[in-house]
C-alpha cells in the first residue's frame, strides 16, 4: 500500500497486464500491508523498470520513479480465491 510498510507484488508480464490482474495484485498488496485493518488502501503500481534499489536503503525499501495509484476496498472473496488458486498451484507442481 502507498506510504506504509507492506509487500511488493510482482506480476509476470508476457504482454500487456490486464486490469483484473492489476486489481487482484493491489488487493493482495493492501491485505499484506499495515492498511489491512482499515479495509481500504491506496496502492501504487508501475513497470519494474521504474523500481530501483538505492544504496543505503534498508531491506525491502525501493525508490519508485513513476507510478499510478489505485484505491482498493479489501474484498474477502477475491482474497479467498487468490489463496485457493495459490494452494492449487503448489499441488500441481
C-alpha atoms as a PDB file:
ATOM      1  CA  UNK A   1       0.000   0.000   0.000  1.00  0.00           C
ATOM      2  CA  UNK A   2       1.080   3.554  -0.617  1.00  0.00           C
ATOM      3  CA  UNK A   3       3.345   5.196   2.009  1.00  0.00           C
ATOM      4  CA  UNK A   4       3.179   2.317   4.516  1.00  0.00           C
ATOM      5  CA  UNK A   5       5.155  -0.885   5.089  1.00  0.00           C
ATOM      6  CA  UNK A   6       3.878  -3.832   3.108  1.00  0.00           C
ATOM      7  CA  UNK A   7       4.526  -6.344   0.371  1.00  0.00           C
ATOM      8  CA  UNK A   8       5.782  -5.861  -3.151  1.00  0.00           C
ATOM      9  CA  UNK A   9       3.610  -7.889  -5.515  1.00  0.00           C
ATOM     10  CA  UNK A  10       5.175  -8.726  -8.885  1.00  0.00           C
ATOM     11  CA  UNK A  11       3.220  -9.779 -11.958  1.00  0.00           C
ATOM     12  CA  UNK A  12       4.798 -11.756 -14.764  1.00  0.00           C
ATOM     13  CA  UNK A  13       4.379  -9.709 -17.923  1.00  0.00           C
ATOM     14  CA  UNK A  14       4.325 -11.716 -21.148  1.00  0.00           C
ATOM     15  CA  UNK A  15       2.377  -8.943 -22.849  1.00  0.00           C
ATOM     16  CA  UNK A  16       0.044  -6.237 -21.542  1.00  0.00           C
ATOM     17  CA  UNK A  17      -1.046  -6.862 -17.934  1.00  0.00           C
ATOM     18  CA  UNK A  18      -4.830  -6.958 -17.592  1.00  0.00           C
ATOM     19  CA  UNK A  19      -6.768  -4.550 -15.395  1.00  0.00           C
ATOM     20  CA  UNK A  20      -8.139  -7.577 -13.496  1.00  0.00           C
ATOM     21  CA  UNK A  21      -4.595  -8.781 -12.699  1.00  0.00           C
ATOM     22  CA  UNK A  22      -3.597  -5.295 -11.512  1.00  0.00           C
ATOM     23  CA  UNK A  23      -6.663  -5.077  -9.257  1.00  0.00           C
ATOM     24  CA  UNK A  24      -6.047  -8.568  -7.817  1.00  0.00           C
ATOM     25  CA  UNK A  25      -2.392  -7.737  -7.139  1.00  0.00           C
ATOM     26  CA  UNK A  26      -3.499  -4.485  -5.477  1.00  0.00           C
ATOM     27  CA  UNK A  27      -5.888  -6.463  -3.251  1.00  0.00           C
ATOM     28  CA  UNK A  28      -3.021  -8.699  -2.178  1.00  0.00           C
ATOM     29  CA  UNK A  29      -0.650  -5.774  -1.561  1.00  0.00           C
ATOM     30  CA  UNK A  30      -3.282  -3.968   0.524  1.00  0.00           C
ATOM     31  CA  UNK A  31      -4.019  -7.121   2.530  1.00  0.00           C
ATOM     32  CA  UNK A  32      -0.310  -7.656   3.240  1.00  0.00           C
ATOM     33  CA  UNK A  33       0.187  -4.051   4.366  1.00  0.00           C
ATOM     34  CA  UNK A  34      -0.440  -2.210   7.611  1.00  0.00           C
ATOM     35  CA  UNK A  35      -3.603  -0.805   5.954  1.00  0.00           C
ATOM     36  CA  UNK A  36      -5.317  -4.220   6.191  1.00  0.00           C
ATOM     37  CA  UNK A  37      -7.280  -3.251   9.300  1.00  0.00           C
ATOM     38  CA  UNK A  38      -8.684  -0.141   7.579  1.00  0.00           C
ATOM     39  CA  UNK A  39     -10.347  -2.194   4.836  1.00  0.00           C
ATOM     40  CA  UNK A  40      -9.298   0.253   2.122  1.00  0.00           C
ATOM     41  CA  UNK A  41      -5.901   1.306   0.794  1.00  0.00           C
ATOM     42  CA  UNK A  42      -4.184   3.232  -1.944  1.00  0.00           C
ATOM     43  CA  UNK A  43      -1.749   1.000  -3.824  1.00  0.00           C
ATOM     44  CA  UNK A  44       0.870   2.141  -6.306  1.00  0.00           C
ATOM     45  CA  UNK A  45       1.820   0.140  -9.372  1.00  0.00           C
ATOM     46  CA  UNK A  46       4.406   0.533 -12.104  1.00  0.00           C
ATOM     47  CA  UNK A  47       6.509  -1.482 -14.540  1.00  0.00           C
ATOM     48  CA  UNK A  48       9.617  -2.983 -12.922  1.00  0.00           C
ATOM     49  CA  UNK A  49      11.912  -0.681 -14.917  1.00  0.00           C
ATOM     50  CA  UNK A  50      10.768   2.220 -12.684  1.00  0.00           C
ATOM     51  CA  UNK A  51      11.630   0.436  -9.412  1.00  0.00           C
ATOM     52  CA  UNK A  52      15.178   0.913  -8.114  1.00  0.00           C
ATOM     53  CA  UNK A  53      17.055  -0.242  -5.044  1.00  0.00           C
ATOM     54  CA  UNK A  54      19.264   2.662  -3.996  1.00  0.00           C
ATOM     55  CA  UNK A  55      22.488   2.427  -1.984  1.00  0.00           C
ATOM     56  CA  UNK A  56      21.916   2.777   1.741  1.00  0.00           C
ATOM     57  CA  UNK A  57      18.243   1.806   1.664  1.00  0.00           C
ATOM     58  CA  UNK A  58      17.059  -0.743   4.187  1.00  0.00           C
ATOM     59  CA  UNK A  59      15.776  -4.242   3.399  1.00  0.00           C
ATOM     60  CA  UNK A  60      12.699  -4.114   1.189  1.00  0.00           C
ATOM     61  CA  UNK A  61      12.954  -0.385   0.562  1.00  0.00           C
ATOM     62  CA  UNK A  62      12.877   0.827  -3.039  1.00  0.00           C
ATOM     63  CA  UNK A  63      12.557   4.097  -4.936  1.00  0.00           C
ATOM     64  CA  UNK A  64       9.736   4.247  -7.471  1.00  0.00           C
ATOM     65  CA  UNK A  65      10.430   6.761 -10.231  1.00  0.00           C
ATOM     66  CA  UNK A  66       6.909   6.990 -11.631  1.00  0.00           C
ATOM     67  CA  UNK A  67       3.714   5.169 -10.791  1.00  0.00           C
ATOM     68  CA  UNK A  68      -0.039   5.132 -10.908  1.00  0.00           C
ATOM     69  CA  UNK A  69      -2.267   4.857  -7.846  1.00  0.00           C
ATOM     70  CA  UNK A  70      -5.259   2.599  -7.394  1.00  0.00           C
ATOM     71  CA  UNK A  71      -7.604   2.695  -4.392  1.00  0.00           C
ATOM     72  CA  UNK A  72      -8.945  -0.698  -3.395  1.00  0.00           C
ATOM     73  CA  UNK A  73     -11.522  -1.812  -0.868  1.00  0.00           C
ATOM     74  CA  UNK A  74     -10.440  -5.157   0.534  1.00  0.00           C
ATOM     75  CA  UNK A  75     -12.677  -7.906  -0.821  1.00  0.00           C
ATOM     76  CA  UNK A  76     -12.556 -11.172   1.119  1.00  0.00           C
ATOM     77  CA  UNK A  77     -13.997 -13.074  -1.866  1.00  0.00           C
ATOM     78  CA  UNK A  78     -11.115 -12.037  -4.124  1.00  0.00           C
ATOM     79  CA  UNK A  79      -8.556 -12.775  -1.408  1.00  0.00           C
ATOM     80  CA  UNK A  80     -10.014 -16.258  -0.755  1.00  0.00           C
ATOM     81  CA  UNK A  81      -9.972 -17.047  -4.497  1.00  0.00           C
ATOM     82  CA  UNK A  82      -6.343 -15.906  -4.789  1.00  0.00           C
ATOM     83  CA  UNK A  83      -5.366 -18.060  -1.796  1.00  0.00           C
ATOM     84  CA  UNK A  84      -7.190 -21.068  -3.262  1.00  0.00           C
ATOM     85  CA  UNK A  85      -5.503 -20.615  -6.651  1.00  0.00           C
ATOM     86  CA  UNK A  86      -2.134 -20.273  -4.925  1.00  0.00           C
ATOM     87  CA  UNK A  87      -2.642 -23.542  -2.992  1.00  0.00           C
ATOM     88  CA  UNK A  88      -3.772 -25.357  -6.150  1.00  0.00           C
ATOM     89  CA  UNK A  89      -0.653 -24.140  -7.981  1.00  0.00           C
ATOM     90  CA  UNK A  90       1.541 -25.818  -5.363  1.00  0.00           C
ATOM     91  CA  UNK A  91      -0.473 -29.029  -5.514  1.00  0.00           C
ATOM     92  CA  UNK A  92       0.034 -29.244  -9.303  1.00  0.00           C
ATOM     93  CA  UNK A  93       3.848 -28.925  -9.192  1.00  0.00           C
END
